[in-house]
């Protein structure tokens, strides 16, 4: 095995607000659960604690997924895309991932120009 470089969150490409999108995917099934934003400190906290931590743009504060709802995301693996400007968090999700109480935030499809609700709240 070759020597691998030490990971530094500062080496990622953040937007003008210091944020990077992170897609959460269920590690066991591949189901896409949600997308939220992280800053460098949220990335570091996620890796340190194993609990996925986002940056809430509306609250201007850290948001540890499941902290108030109990719908925890346990980090299995964090992946970086080829441009280093997007993250993929492979997680073990407890309960719904969406604030609407659905398993996934991606519960609406467009079929023949019509929006179709794919899942109801749990």
PDB file of N, CA and C in Angstrom:
ATOM      1  N   UNK A   1       0.839  -1.180   0.000  1.00  0.00           N
ATOM      2  CA  UNK A   1       0.000   0.000   0.000  1.00  0.00           C
ATOM      3  C   UNK A   1       0.883   1.242   0.000  1.00  0.00           C
ATOM      4  N   UNK A   2       0.514   2.222  -0.822  1.00  0.00           N
ATOM      5  CA  UNK A   2       1.303   3.452  -0.891  1.00  0.00           C
ATOM      6  C   UNK A   2       0.898   4.401   0.220  1.00  0.00           C
ATOM      7  N   UNK A   3       1.785   5.324   0.495  1.00  0.00           N
ATOM      8  CA  UNK A   3       1.462   6.346   1.492  1.00  0.00           C
ATOM      9  C   UNK A   3       0.358   7.236   0.954  1.00  0.00           C
ATOM     10  N   UNK A   4      -0.666   7.446   1.752  1.00  0.00           N
ATOM     11  CA  UNK A   4      -1.801   8.280   1.368  1.00  0.00           C
ATOM     12  C   UNK A   4      -1.678   9.635   2.061  1.00  0.00           C
ATOM     13  N   UNK A   5      -2.074  10.708   1.368  1.00  0.00           N
ATOM     14  CA  UNK A   5      -1.998  12.027   2.005  1.00  0.00           C
ATOM     15  C   UNK A   5      -3.010  12.153   3.142  1.00  0.00           C
ATOM     16  N   UNK A   6      -2.645  12.874   4.154  1.00  0.00           N
ATOM     17  CA  UNK A   6      -3.537  13.178   5.274  1.00  0.00           C
ATOM     18  C   UNK A   6      -4.665  14.076   4.770  1.00  0.00           C
ATOM     19  N   UNK A   7      -5.909  13.793   5.142  1.00  0.00           N
ATOM     20  CA  UNK A   7      -7.035  14.603   4.686  1.00  0.00           C
ATOM     21  C   UNK A   7      -7.116  15.896   5.476  1.00  0.00           C
ATOM     22  N   UNK A   8      -7.330  16.987   4.758  1.00  0.00           N
ATOM     23  CA  UNK A   8      -7.515  18.297   5.361  1.00  0.00           C
ATOM     24  C   UNK A   8      -8.753  18.922   4.733  1.00  0.00           C
ATOM     25  N   UNK A   9      -9.799  19.216   5.530  1.00  0.00           N
ATOM     26  CA  UNK A   9     -11.014  19.823   4.979  1.00  0.00           C
ATOM     27  C   UNK A   9     -10.745  21.117   4.208  1.00  0.00           C
ATOM     28  N   UNK A  10      -9.670  21.803   4.518  1.00  0.00           N
ATOM     29  CA  UNK A  10      -9.335  23.043   3.810  1.00  0.00           C
ATOM     30  C   UNK A  10      -8.981  22.775   2.346  1.00  0.00           C
ATOM     31  N   UNK A  11      -8.661  21.536   2.017  1.00  0.00           N
ATOM     32  CA  UNK A  11      -8.313  21.174   0.643  1.00  0.00           C
ATOM     33  C   UNK A  11      -9.519  20.971  -0.265  1.00  0.00           C
ATOM     34  N   UNK A  12     -10.724  21.121   0.281  1.00  0.00           N
ATOM     35  CA  UNK A  12     -11.935  21.011  -0.529  1.00  0.00           C
ATOM     36  C   UNK A  12     -12.242  22.364  -1.162  1.00  0.00           C
ATOM     37  N   UNK A  13     -13.075  22.361  -2.186  1.00  0.00           N
ATOM     38  CA  UNK A  13     -13.469  23.606  -2.856  1.00  0.00           C
ATOM     39  C   UNK A  13     -14.849  24.025  -2.360  1.00  0.00           C
ATOM     40  N   UNK A  14     -14.879  25.127  -1.640  1.00  0.00           N
ATOM     41  CA  UNK A  14     -16.106  25.660  -1.065  1.00  0.00           C
ATOM     42  C   UNK A  14     -16.615  26.810  -1.931  1.00  0.00           C
ATOM     43  N   UNK A  15     -17.916  27.110  -1.813  1.00  0.00           N
ATOM     44  CA  UNK A  15     -18.469  28.234  -2.565  1.00  0.00           C
ATOM     45  C   UNK A  15     -18.090  29.551  -1.882  1.00  0.00           C
ATOM     46  N   UNK A  16     -18.603  30.662  -2.395  1.00  0.00           N
ATOM     47  CA  UNK A  16     -18.263  31.983  -1.862  1.00  0.00           C
ATOM     48  C   UNK A  16     -18.677  32.154  -0.403  1.00  0.00           C
ATOM     49  N   UNK A  17     -19.631  31.340   0.062  1.00  0.00           N
ATOM     50  CA  UNK A  17     -20.073  31.391   1.455  1.00  0.00           C
ATOM     51  C   UNK A  17     -19.332  30.395   2.339  1.00  0.00           C
ATOM     52  N   UNK A  18     -18.323  29.727   1.771  1.00  0.00           N
ATOM     53  CA  UNK A  18     -17.555  28.755   2.546  1.00  0.00           C
ATOM     54  C   UNK A  18     -18.267  27.432   2.732  1.00  0.00           C
ATOM     55  N   UNK A  19     -19.196  27.110   1.817  1.00  0.00           N
ATOM     56  CA  UNK A  19     -19.999  25.891   1.944  1.00  0.00           C
ATOM     57  C   UNK A  19     -19.759  24.930   0.786  1.00  0.00           C
ATOM     58  N   UNK A  20     -19.997  23.658   1.072  1.00  0.00           N
ATOM     59  CA  UNK A  20     -19.877  22.601   0.066  1.00  0.00           C
ATOM     60  C   UNK A  20     -21.119  21.710   0.198  1.00  0.00           C
ATOM     61  N   UNK A  21     -21.742  21.318  -0.938  1.00  0.00           N
ATOM     62  CA  UNK A  21     -22.905  20.429  -0.833  1.00  0.00           C
ATOM     63  C   UNK A  21     -22.482  19.021  -0.438  1.00  0.00           C
ATOM     64  N   UNK A  22     -23.347  18.384   0.360  1.00  0.00           N
ATOM     65  CA  UNK A  22     -23.105  17.012   0.789  1.00  0.00           C
ATOM     66  C   UNK A  22     -24.384  16.209   0.577  1.00  0.00           C
ATOM     67  N   UNK A  23     -24.284  15.166  -0.210  1.00  0.00           N
ATOM     68  CA  UNK A  23     -25.405  14.266  -0.460  1.00  0.00           C
ATOM     69  C   UNK A  23     -25.300  13.115   0.527  1.00  0.00           C
ATOM     70  N   UNK A  24     -26.405  12.822   1.199  1.00  0.00           N
ATOM     71  CA  UNK A  24     -26.439  11.688   2.126  1.00  0.00           C
ATOM     72  C   UNK A  24     -27.111  10.511   1.437  1.00  0.00           C
ATOM     73  N   UNK A  25     -26.441   9.366   1.475  1.00  0.00           N
ATOM     74  CA  UNK A  25     -26.920   8.148   0.832  1.00  0.00           C
ATOM     75  C   UNK A  25     -26.886   7.015   1.853  1.00  0.00           C
ATOM     76  N   UNK A  26     -27.957   6.228   1.899  1.00  0.00           N
ATOM     77  CA  UNK A  26     -27.999   5.071   2.793  1.00  0.00           C
ATOM     78  C   UNK A  26     -26.939   4.071   2.353  1.00  0.00           C
ATOM     79  N   UNK A  27     -26.022   3.751   3.242  1.00  0.00           N
ATOM     80  CA  UNK A  27     -24.896   2.888   2.893  1.00  0.00           C
ATOM     81  C   UNK A  27     -25.338   1.486   2.484  1.00  0.00           C
ATOM     82  N   UNK A  28     -26.349   0.963   3.137  1.00  0.00           N
ATOM     83  CA  UNK A  28     -26.772  -0.411   2.873  1.00  0.00           C
ATOM     84  C   UNK A  28     -27.554  -0.603   1.591  1.00  0.00           C
ATOM     85  N   UNK A  29     -28.326   0.411   1.190  1.00  0.00           N
ATOM     86  CA  UNK A  29     -29.225   0.252   0.044  1.00  0.00           C
ATOM     87  C   UNK A  29     -28.883   1.125  -1.156  1.00  0.00           C
ATOM     88  N   UNK A  30     -28.097   2.170  -0.939  1.00  0.00           N
ATOM     89  CA  UNK A  30     -27.799   3.110  -2.020  1.00  0.00           C
ATOM     90  C   UNK A  30     -28.865   4.179  -2.194  1.00  0.00           C
ATOM     91  N   UNK A  31     -29.907   4.146  -1.361  1.00  0.00           N
ATOM     92  CA  UNK A  31     -30.984   5.133  -1.458  1.00  0.00           C
ATOM     93  C   UNK A  31     -30.443   6.539  -1.167  1.00  0.00           C
ATOM     94  N   UNK A  32     -30.746   7.500  -2.058  1.00  0.00           N
ATOM     95  CA  UNK A  32     -30.358   8.890  -1.840  1.00  0.00           C
ATOM     96  C   UNK A  32     -31.358   9.497  -0.868  1.00  0.00           C
ATOM     97  N   UNK A  33     -30.861  10.043   0.234  1.00  0.00           N
ATOM     98  CA  UNK A  33     -31.727  10.525   1.306  1.00  0.00           C
ATOM     99  C   UNK A  33     -31.950  12.025   1.279  1.00  0.00           C
ATOM    100  N   UNK A  34     -30.881  12.791   1.115  1.00  0.00           N
ATOM    101  CA  UNK A  34     -31.005  14.243   1.218  1.00  0.00           C
ATOM    102  C   UNK A  34     -29.726  14.922   0.734  1.00  0.00           C
ATOM    103  N   UNK A  35     -29.797  16.241   0.640  1.00  0.00           N
ATOM    104  CA  UNK A  35     -28.634  17.073   0.359  1.00  0.00           C
ATOM    105  C   UNK A  35     -28.664  18.232   1.349  1.00  0.00           C
ATOM    106  N   UNK A  36     -27.534  18.545   1.907  1.00  0.00           N
ATOM    107  CA  UNK A  36     -27.417  19.691   2.796  1.00  0.00           C
ATOM    108  C   UNK A  36     -26.008  20.252   2.646  1.00  0.00           C
ATOM    109  N   UNK A  37     -25.749  21.336   3.330  1.00  0.00           N
ATOM    110  CA  UNK A  37     -24.472  22.034   3.199  1.00  0.00           C
ATOM    111  C   UNK A  37     -23.572  21.789   4.391  1.00  0.00           C
ATOM    112  N   UNK A  38     -22.265  21.799   4.120  1.00  0.00           N
ATOM    113  CA  UNK A  38     -21.259  21.711   5.180  1.00  0.00           C
ATOM    114  C   UNK A  38     -20.248  22.833   4.970  1.00  0.00           C
ATOM    115  N   UNK A  39     -19.648  23.273   6.059  1.00  0.00           N
ATOM    116  CA  UNK A  39     -18.455  24.104   5.957  1.00  0.00           C
ATOM    117  C   UNK A  39     -17.286  23.248   6.437  1.00  0.00           C
ATOM    118  N   UNK A  40     -16.090  23.797   6.427  1.00  0.00           N
ATOM    119  CA  UNK A  40     -14.911  22.999   6.786  1.00  0.00           C
ATOM    120  C   UNK A  40     -15.013  22.447   8.209  1.00  0.00           C
ATOM    121  N   UNK A  41     -15.541  23.247   9.125  1.00  0.00           N
ATOM    122  CA  UNK A  41     -15.666  22.789  10.513  1.00  0.00           C
ATOM    123  C   UNK A  41     -16.689  21.661  10.626  1.00  0.00           C
ATOM    124  N   UNK A  42     -17.778  21.718   9.854  1.00  0.00           N
ATOM    125  CA  UNK A  42     -18.784  20.642   9.880  1.00  0.00           C
ATOM    126  C   UNK A  42     -18.193  19.342   9.327  1.00  0.00           C
ATOM    127  N   UNK A  43     -17.377  19.463   8.285  1.00  0.00           N
ATOM    128  CA  UNK A  43     -16.705  18.281   7.733  1.00  0.00           C
ATOM    129  C   UNK A  43     -15.811  17.668   8.815  1.00  0.00           C
ATOM    130  N   UNK A  44     -15.022  18.508   9.476  1.00  0.00           N
ATOM    131  CA  UNK A  44     -14.119  18.018  10.525  1.00  0.00           C
ATOM    132  C   UNK A  44     -14.903  17.378  11.669  1.00  0.00           C
ATOM    133  N   UNK A  45     -15.994  18.007  12.111  1.00  0.00           N
ATOM    134  CA  UNK A  45     -16.808  17.455  13.199  1.00  0.00           C
ATOM    135  C   UNK A  45     -17.413  16.112  12.811  1.00  0.00           C
ATOM    136  N   UNK A  46     -17.888  16.013  11.570  1.00  0.00           N
ATOM    137  CA  UNK A  46     -18.468  14.765  11.091  1.00  0.00           C
ATOM    138  C   UNK A  46     -17.449  13.643  11.181  1.00  0.00           C
ATOM    139  N   UNK A  47     -16.233  13.899  10.719  1.00  0.00           N
ATOM    140  CA  UNK A  47     -15.184  12.880  10.748  1.00  0.00           C
ATOM    141  C   UNK A  47     -14.742  12.548  12.171  1.00  0.00           C
ATOM    142  N   UNK A  48     -14.730  13.545  13.056  1.00  0.00           N
ATOM    143  CA  UNK A  48     -14.304  13.329  14.440  1.00  0.00           C
ATOM    144  C   UNK A  48     -15.333  12.537  15.241  1.00  0.00           C
ATOM    145  N   UNK A  49     -16.620  12.839  15.031  1.00  0.00           N
ATOM    146  CA  UNK A  49     -17.676  12.264  15.886  1.00  0.00           C
ATOM    147  C   UNK A  49     -18.376  11.060  15.278  1.00  0.00           C
ATOM    148  N   UNK A  50     -18.347  10.935  13.943  1.00  0.00           N
ATOM    149  CA  UNK A  50     -19.096   9.875  13.290  1.00  0.00           C
ATOM    150  C   UNK A  50     -20.576  10.181  13.154  1.00  0.00           C
ATOM    151  N   UNK A  51     -21.010  11.336  13.633  1.00  0.00           N
ATOM    152  CA  UNK A  51     -22.386  11.835  13.477  1.00  0.00           C
ATOM    153  C   UNK A  51     -22.348  12.915  12.407  1.00  0.00           C
ATOM    154  N   UNK A  52     -23.175  12.776  11.373  1.00  0.00           N
ATOM    155  CA  UNK A  52     -23.123  13.731  10.269  1.00  0.00           C
ATOM    156  C   UNK A  52     -23.594  15.092  10.760  1.00  0.00           C
ATOM    157  N   UNK A  53     -22.733  16.084  10.546  1.00  0.00           N
ATOM    158  CA  UNK A  53     -22.978  17.457  10.989  1.00  0.00           C
ATOM    159  C   UNK A  53     -22.980  18.369   9.776  1.00  0.00           C
ATOM    160  N   UNK A  54     -24.062  19.102   9.624  1.00  0.00           N
ATOM    161  CA  UNK A  54     -24.208  20.037   8.510  1.00  0.00           C
ATOM    162  C   UNK A  54     -24.109  21.462   9.032  1.00  0.00           C
ATOM    163  N   UNK A  55     -24.113  22.427   8.093  1.00  0.00           N
ATOM    164  CA  UNK A  55     -24.190  23.831   8.451  1.00  0.00           C
ATOM    165  C   UNK A  55     -25.563  24.319   8.020  1.00  0.00           C
ATOM    166  N   UNK A  56     -26.354  24.777   8.961  1.00  0.00           N
ATOM    167  CA  UNK A  56     -27.689  25.297   8.669  1.00  0.00           C
ATOM    168  C   UNK A  56     -27.571  26.740   8.219  1.00  0.00           C
ATOM    169  N   UNK A  57     -27.878  26.983   6.951  1.00  0.00           N
ATOM    170  CA  UNK A  57     -27.819  28.349   6.423  1.00  0.00           C
ATOM    171  C   UNK A  57     -28.888  29.225   7.065  1.00  0.00           C
ATOM    172  N   UNK A  58     -30.065  28.675   7.330  1.00  0.00           N
ATOM    173  CA  UNK A  58     -31.152  29.474   7.904  1.00  0.00           C
ATOM    174  C   UNK A  58     -30.869  29.858   9.362  1.00  0.00           C
ATOM    175  N   UNK A  59     -30.242  28.952  10.105  1.00  0.00           N
ATOM    176  CA  UNK A  59     -29.948  29.222  11.520  1.00  0.00           C
ATOM    177  C   UNK A  59     -28.555  29.800  11.738  1.00  0.00           C
ATOM    178  N   UNK A  60     -27.684  29.649  10.720  1.00  0.00           N
ATOM    179  CA  UNK A  60     -26.306  30.104  10.881  1.00  0.00           C
ATOM    180  C   UNK A  60     -25.594  29.353  11.988  1.00  0.00           C
ATOM    181  N   UNK A  61     -25.848  28.031  12.048  1.00  0.00           N
ATOM    182  CA  UNK A  61     -25.283  27.220  13.138  1.00  0.00           C
ATOM    183  C   UNK A  61     -25.099  25.781  12.670  1.00  0.00           C
ATOM    184  N   UNK A  62     -24.290  25.034  13.433  1.00  0.00           N
ATOM    185  CA  UNK A  62     -24.131  23.617  13.142  1.00  0.00           C
ATOM    186  C   UNK A  62     -25.451  22.895  13.359  1.00  0.00           C
ATOM    187  N   UNK A  63     -25.661  21.859  12.565  1.00  0.00           N
ATOM    188  CA  UNK A  63     -26.875  21.053  12.652  1.00  0.00           C
ATOM    189  C   UNK A  63     -26.421  19.596  12.636  1.00  0.00           C
ATOM    190  N   UNK A  64     -26.425  18.970  13.795  1.00  0.00           N
ATOM    191  CA  UNK A  64     -26.091  17.554  13.900  1.00  0.00           C
ATOM    192  C   UNK A  64     -27.361  16.785  13.575  1.00  0.00           C
ATOM    193  N   UNK A  65     -27.350  16.075  12.467  1.00  0.00           N
ATOM    194  CA  UNK A  65     -28.549  15.393  11.999  1.00  0.00           C
ATOM    195  C   UNK A  65     -29.068  14.459  13.084  1.00  0.00           C
ATOM    196  N   UNK A  66     -30.345  14.660  13.448  1.00  0.00           N
ATOM    197  CA  UNK A  66     -30.984  13.823  14.450  1.00  0.00           C
ATOM    198  C   UNK A  66     -30.869  14.328  15.871  1.00  0.00           C
ATOM    199  N   UNK A  67     -30.171  15.427  16.073  1.00  0.00           N
ATOM    200  CA  UNK A  67     -29.956  15.940  17.429  1.00  0.00           C
ATOM    201  C   UNK A  67     -31.280  16.229  18.144  1.00  0.00           C
ATOM    202  N   UNK A  68     -32.243  16.802  17.430  1.00  0.00           N
ATOM    203  CA  UNK A  68     -33.531  17.081  18.071  1.00  0.00           C
ATOM    204  C   UNK A  68     -34.599  16.057  17.680  1.00  0.00           C
ATOM    205  N   UNK A  69     -34.526  15.508  16.471  1.00  0.00           N
ATOM    206  CA  UNK A  69     -35.564  14.583  15.992  1.00  0.00           C
ATOM    207  C   UNK A  69     -35.314  13.128  16.370  1.00  0.00           C
ATOM    208  N   UNK A  70     -34.053  12.788  16.630  1.00  0.00           N
ATOM    209  CA  UNK A  70     -33.696  11.395  16.866  1.00  0.00           C
ATOM    210  C   UNK A  70     -33.442  10.625  15.578  1.00  0.00           C
ATOM    211  N   UNK A  71     -33.593  11.298  14.429  1.00  0.00           N
ATOM    212  CA  UNK A  71     -33.374  10.667  13.127  1.00  0.00           C
ATOM    213  C   UNK A  71     -31.906  10.841  12.728  1.00  0.00           C
ATOM    214  N   UNK A  72     -31.070  10.088  13.377  1.00  0.00           N
ATOM    215  CA  UNK A  72     -29.616  10.218  13.321  1.00  0.00           C
ATOM    216  C   UNK A  72     -29.039   9.674  12.018  1.00  0.00           C
ATOM    217  N   UNK A  73     -27.983  10.338  11.547  1.00  0.00           N
ATOM    218  CA  UNK A  73     -27.173   9.807  10.459  1.00  0.00           C
ATOM    219  C   UNK A  73     -25.801   9.455  11.025  1.00  0.00           C
ATOM    220  N   UNK A  74     -25.513   8.165  11.041  1.00  0.00           N
ATOM    221  CA  UNK A  74     -24.209   7.672  11.488  1.00  0.00           C
ATOM    222  C   UNK A  74     -23.325   7.536  10.247  1.00  0.00           C
ATOM    223  N   UNK A  75     -22.181   8.188  10.258  1.00  0.00           N
ATOM    224  CA  UNK A  75     -21.277   8.164   9.106  1.00  0.00           C
ATOM    225  C   UNK A  75     -20.632   6.798   8.949  1.00  0.00           C
ATOM    226  N   UNK A  76     -20.719   6.248   7.749  1.00  0.00           N
ATOM    227  CA  UNK A  76     -20.016   5.022   7.396  1.00  0.00           C
ATOM    228  C   UNK A  76     -18.754   5.378   6.626  1.00  0.00           C
ATOM    229  N   UNK A  77     -18.904   6.304   5.678  1.00  0.00           N
ATOM    230  CA  UNK A  77     -17.766   6.714   4.846  1.00  0.00           C
ATOM    231  C   UNK A  77     -18.065   8.071   4.233  1.00  0.00           C
ATOM    232  N   UNK A  78     -17.067   8.919   4.117  1.00  0.00           N
ATOM    233  CA  UNK A  78     -17.206  10.210   3.444  1.00  0.00           C
ATOM    234  C   UNK A  78     -16.389  10.164   2.160  1.00  0.00           C
ATOM    235  N   UNK A  79     -17.043  10.495   1.053  1.00  0.00           N
ATOM    236  CA  UNK A  79     -16.373  10.488  -0.247  1.00  0.00           C
ATOM    237  C   UNK A  79     -16.327  11.894  -0.829  1.00  0.00           C
ATOM    238  N   UNK A  80     -15.300  12.145  -1.624  1.00  0.00           N
ATOM    239  CA  UNK A  80     -15.073  13.438  -2.259  1.00  0.00           C
ATOM    240  C   UNK A  80     -15.177  13.240  -3.763  1.00  0.00           C
ATOM    241  N   UNK A  81     -15.908  14.133  -4.447  1.00  0.00           N
ATOM    242  CA  UNK A  81     -16.015  13.985  -5.901  1.00  0.00           C
ATOM    243  C   UNK A  81     -14.725  14.436  -6.591  1.00  0.00           C
ATOM    244  N   UNK A  82     -14.649  14.189  -7.888  1.00  0.00           N
ATOM    245  CA  UNK A  82     -13.428  14.422  -8.661  1.00  0.00           C
ATOM    246  C   UNK A  82     -12.987  15.887  -8.674  1.00  0.00           C
ATOM    247  N   UNK A  83     -13.924  16.812  -8.577  1.00  0.00           N
ATOM    248  CA  UNK A  83     -13.580  18.234  -8.570  1.00  0.00           C
ATOM    249  C   UNK A  83     -13.354  18.777  -7.161  1.00  0.00           C
ATOM    250  N   UNK A  84     -13.589  17.931  -6.163  1.00  0.00           N
ATOM    251  CA  UNK A  84     -13.416  18.289  -4.748  1.00  0.00           C
ATOM    252  C   UNK A  84     -14.383  19.386  -4.311  1.00  0.00           C
ATOM    253  N   UNK A  85     -15.541  19.485  -5.035  1.00  0.00           N
ATOM    254  CA  UNK A  85     -16.518  20.524  -4.691  1.00  0.00           C
ATOM    255  C   UNK A  85     -17.878  19.965  -4.288  1.00  0.00           C
ATOM    256  N   UNK A  86     -17.933  18.662  -4.011  1.00  0.00           N
ATOM    257  CA  UNK A  86     -19.160  18.024  -3.552  1.00  0.00           C
ATOM    258  C   UNK A  86     -18.782  16.781  -2.752  1.00  0.00           C
ATOM    259  N   UNK A  87     -19.555  16.508  -1.714  1.00  0.00           N
ATOM    260  CA  UNK A  87     -19.296  15.353  -0.856  1.00  0.00           C
ATOM    261  C   UNK A  87     -20.439  14.365  -0.935  1.00  0.00           C
ATOM    262  N   UNK A  88     -20.119  13.107  -0.696  1.00  0.00           N
ATOM    263  CA  UNK A  88     -21.107  12.046  -0.576  1.00  0.00           C
ATOM    264  C   UNK A  88     -20.881  11.381   0.779  1.00  0.00           C
ATOM    265  N   UNK A  89     -21.894  11.463   1.635  1.00  0.00           N
ATOM    266  CA  UNK A  89     -21.808  10.820   2.945  1.00  0.00           C
ATOM    267  C   UNK A  89     -22.599   9.521   2.889  1.00  0.00           C
ATOM    268  N   UNK A  90     -21.907   8.404   3.008  1.00  0.00           N
ATOM    269  CA  UNK A  90     -22.577   7.116   3.126  1.00  0.00           C
ATOM    270  C   UNK A  90     -22.916   6.961   4.598  1.00  0.00           C
ATOM    271  N   UNK A  91     -24.209   6.781   4.882  1.00  0.00           N
ATOM    272  CA  UNK A  91     -24.682   6.824   6.266  1.00  0.00           C
ATOM    273  C   UNK A  91     -25.560   5.631   6.602  1.00  0.00           C
ATOM    274  N   UNK A  92     -25.737   5.417   7.902  1.00  0.00           N
ATOM    275  CA  UNK A  92     -26.784   4.549   8.416  1.00  0.00           C
ATOM    276  C   UNK A  92     -27.815   5.498   9.009  1.00  0.00           C
ATOM    277  N   UNK A  93     -28.970   5.566   8.363  1.00  0.00           N
ATOM    278  CA  UNK A  93     -30.026   6.490   8.753  1.00  0.00           C
ATOM    279  C   UNK A  93     -30.993   5.827   9.725  1.00  0.00           C
ATOM    280  N   UNK A  94     -31.269   6.501  10.831  1.00  0.00           N
ATOM    281  CA  UNK A  94     -32.297   6.069  11.779  1.00  0.00           C
ATOM    282  C   UNK A  94     -33.527   6.921  11.533  1.00  0.00           C
ATOM    283  N   UNK A  95     -34.640   6.302  11.155  1.00  0.00           N
ATOM    284  CA  UNK A  95     -35.868   7.043  10.904  1.00  0.00           C
ATOM    285  C   UNK A  95     -35.804   7.846   9.616  1.00  0.00           C
ATOM    286  N   UNK A  96     -36.779   8.746   9.414  1.00  0.00           N
ATOM    287  CA  UNK A  96     -36.820   9.545   8.191  1.00  0.00           C
ATOM    288  C   UNK A  96     -35.637  10.510   8.115  1.00  0.00           C
ATOM    289  N   UNK A  97     -35.171  10.776   6.904  1.00  0.00           N
ATOM    290  CA  UNK A  97     -34.097  11.749   6.712  1.00  0.00           C
ATOM    291  C   UNK A  97     -34.656  13.152   6.479  1.00  0.00           C
ATOM    292  N   UNK A  98     -35.864  13.238   5.934  1.00  0.00           N
ATOM    293  CA  UNK A  98     -36.442  14.522   5.545  1.00  0.00           C
ATOM    294  C   UNK A  98     -37.196  15.168   6.706  1.00  0.00           C
ATOM    295  N   UNK A  99     -37.138  16.493   6.762  1.00  0.00           N
ATOM    296  CA  UNK A  99     -37.864  17.221   7.812  1.00  0.00           C
ATOM    297  C   UNK A  99     -39.386  17.102   7.639  1.00  0.00           C
ATOM    298  N   UNK A 100     -39.842  16.602   6.487  1.00  0.00           N
ATOM    299  CA  UNK A 100     -41.276  16.373   6.262  1.00  0.00           C
ATOM    300  C   UNK A 100     -41.709  15.005   6.806  1.00  0.00           C
ATOM    301  N   UNK A 101     -40.780  14.322   7.460  1.00  0.00           N
ATOM    302  CA  UNK A 101     -40.987  12.996   8.052  1.00  0.00           C
ATOM    303  C   UNK A 101     -41.099  11.894   7.000  1.00  0.00           C
ATOM    304  N   UNK A 102     -40.450  12.108   5.853  1.00  0.00           N
ATOM    305  CA  UNK A 102     -40.356  11.087   4.818  1.00  0.00           C
ATOM    306  C   UNK A 102     -38.959  10.486   4.859  1.00  0.00           C
ATOM    307  N   UNK A 103     -38.832   9.287   4.383  1.00  0.00           N
ATOM    308  CA  UNK A 103     -37.534   8.594   4.376  1.00  0.00           C
ATOM    309  C   UNK A 103     -36.491   9.397   3.613  1.00  0.00           C
ATOM    310  N   UNK A 104     -36.875   9.995   2.473  1.00  0.00           N
ATOM    311  CA  UNK A 104     -35.966  10.742   1.613  1.00  0.00           C
ATOM    312  C   UNK A 104     -36.561  12.109   1.304  1.00  0.00           C
ATOM    313  N   UNK A 105     -35.706  13.095   1.121  1.00  0.00           N
ATOM    314  CA  UNK A 105     -36.159  14.418   0.684  1.00  0.00           C
ATOM    315  C   UNK A 105     -36.579  14.385  -0.784  1.00  0.00           C
ATOM    316  N   UNK A 106     -36.157  13.372  -1.506  1.00  0.00           N
ATOM    317  CA  UNK A 106     -36.450  13.265  -2.933  1.00  0.00           C
ATOM    318  C   UNK A 106     -37.702  12.407  -3.128  1.00  0.00           C
ATOM    319  N   UNK A 107     -38.826  12.921  -2.662  1.00  0.00           N
ATOM    320  CA  UNK A 107     -40.082  12.167  -2.696  1.00  0.00           C
ATOM    321  C   UNK A 107     -41.032  12.630  -3.797  1.00  0.00           C
ATOM    322  N   UNK A 108     -40.606  13.575  -4.628  1.00  0.00           N
ATOM    323  CA  UNK A 108     -41.438  14.047  -5.732  1.00  0.00           C
ATOM    324  C   UNK A 108     -40.736  13.774  -7.051  1.00  0.00           C
ATOM    325  N   UNK A 109     -41.470  13.160  -7.979  1.00  0.00           N
ATOM    326  CA  UNK A 109     -40.956  12.891  -9.323  1.00  0.00           C
ATOM    327  C   UNK A 109     -41.776  13.706 -10.325  1.00  0.00           C
ATOM    328  N   UNK A 110     -41.205  13.905 -11.502  1.00  0.00           N
ATOM    329  CA  UNK A 110     -41.938  14.542 -12.587  1.00  0.00           C
ATOM    330  C   UNK A 110     -42.161  13.485 -13.657  1.00  0.00           C
ATOM    331  N   UNK A 111     -43.415  13.130 -13.859  1.00  0.00           N
ATOM    332  CA  UNK A 111     -43.809  12.122 -14.852  1.00  0.00           C
ATOM    333  C   UNK A 111     -44.695  12.797 -15.888  1.00  0.00           C
ATOM    334  N   UNK A 112     -44.246  12.815 -17.116  1.00  0.00           N
ATOM    335  CA  UNK A 112     -45.020  13.422 -18.209  1.00  0.00           C
ATOM    336  C   UNK A 112     -45.463  14.840 -17.862  1.00  0.00           C
ATOM    337  N   UNK A 113     -44.548  15.617 -17.261  1.00  0.00           N
ATOM    338  CA  UNK A 113     -44.836  17.009 -16.953  1.00  0.00           C
ATOM    339  C   UNK A 113     -45.681  17.238 -15.718  1.00  0.00           C
ATOM    340  N   UNK A 114     -45.957  16.186 -14.949  1.00  0.00           N
ATOM    341  CA  UNK A 114     -46.787  16.290 -13.750  1.00  0.00           C
ATOM    342  C   UNK A 114     -45.970  15.854 -12.533  1.00  0.00           C
ATOM    343  N   UNK A 115     -46.093  16.630 -11.432  1.00  0.00           N
ATOM    344  CA  UNK A 115     -45.429  16.251 -10.188  1.00  0.00           C
ATOM    345  C   UNK A 115     -46.209  15.126  -9.514  1.00  0.00           C
ATOM    346  N   UNK A 116     -45.471  14.073  -9.136  1.00  0.00           N
ATOM    347  CA  UNK A 116     -46.084  12.908  -8.506  1.00  0.00           C
ATOM    348  C   UNK A 116     -45.389  12.652  -7.172  1.00  0.00           C
ATOM    349  N   UNK A 117     -46.171  12.581  -6.095  1.00  0.00           N
ATOM    350  CA  UNK A 117     -45.632  12.288  -4.765  1.00  0.00           C
ATOM    351  C   UNK A 117     -45.372  10.778  -4.669  1.00  0.00           C
ATOM    352  N   UNK A 118     -44.111  10.412  -4.419  1.00  0.00           N
ATOM    353  CA  UNK A 118     -43.706   9.006  -4.398  1.00  0.00           C
ATOM    354  C   UNK A 118     -43.848   8.349  -3.035  1.00  0.00           C
ATOM    355  N   UNK A 119     -43.819   9.152  -1.973  1.00  0.00           N
ATOM    356  CA  UNK A 119     -43.938   8.565  -0.641  1.00  0.00           C
ATOM    357  C   UNK A 119     -44.627   9.543   0.300  1.00  0.00           C
ATOM    358  N   UNK A 120     -45.335   8.980   1.237  1.00  0.00           N
ATOM    359  CA  UNK A 120     -46.053   9.764   2.260  1.00  0.00           C
ATOM    360  C   UNK A 120     -45.183   9.875   3.505  1.00  0.00           C
ATOM    361  N   UNK A 121     -45.489  10.844   4.370  1.00  0.00           N
ATOM    362  CA  UNK A 121     -44.760  10.916   5.637  1.00  0.00           C
ATOM    363  C   UNK A 121     -44.944   9.632   6.446  1.00  0.00           C
ATOM    364  N   UNK A 122     -43.924   9.282   7.194  1.00  0.00           N
ATOM    365  CA  UNK A 122     -43.983   8.057   8.028  1.00  0.00           C
ATOM    366  C   UNK A 122     -44.858   8.281   9.241  1.00  0.00           C
TER     367      UNK A 122
END
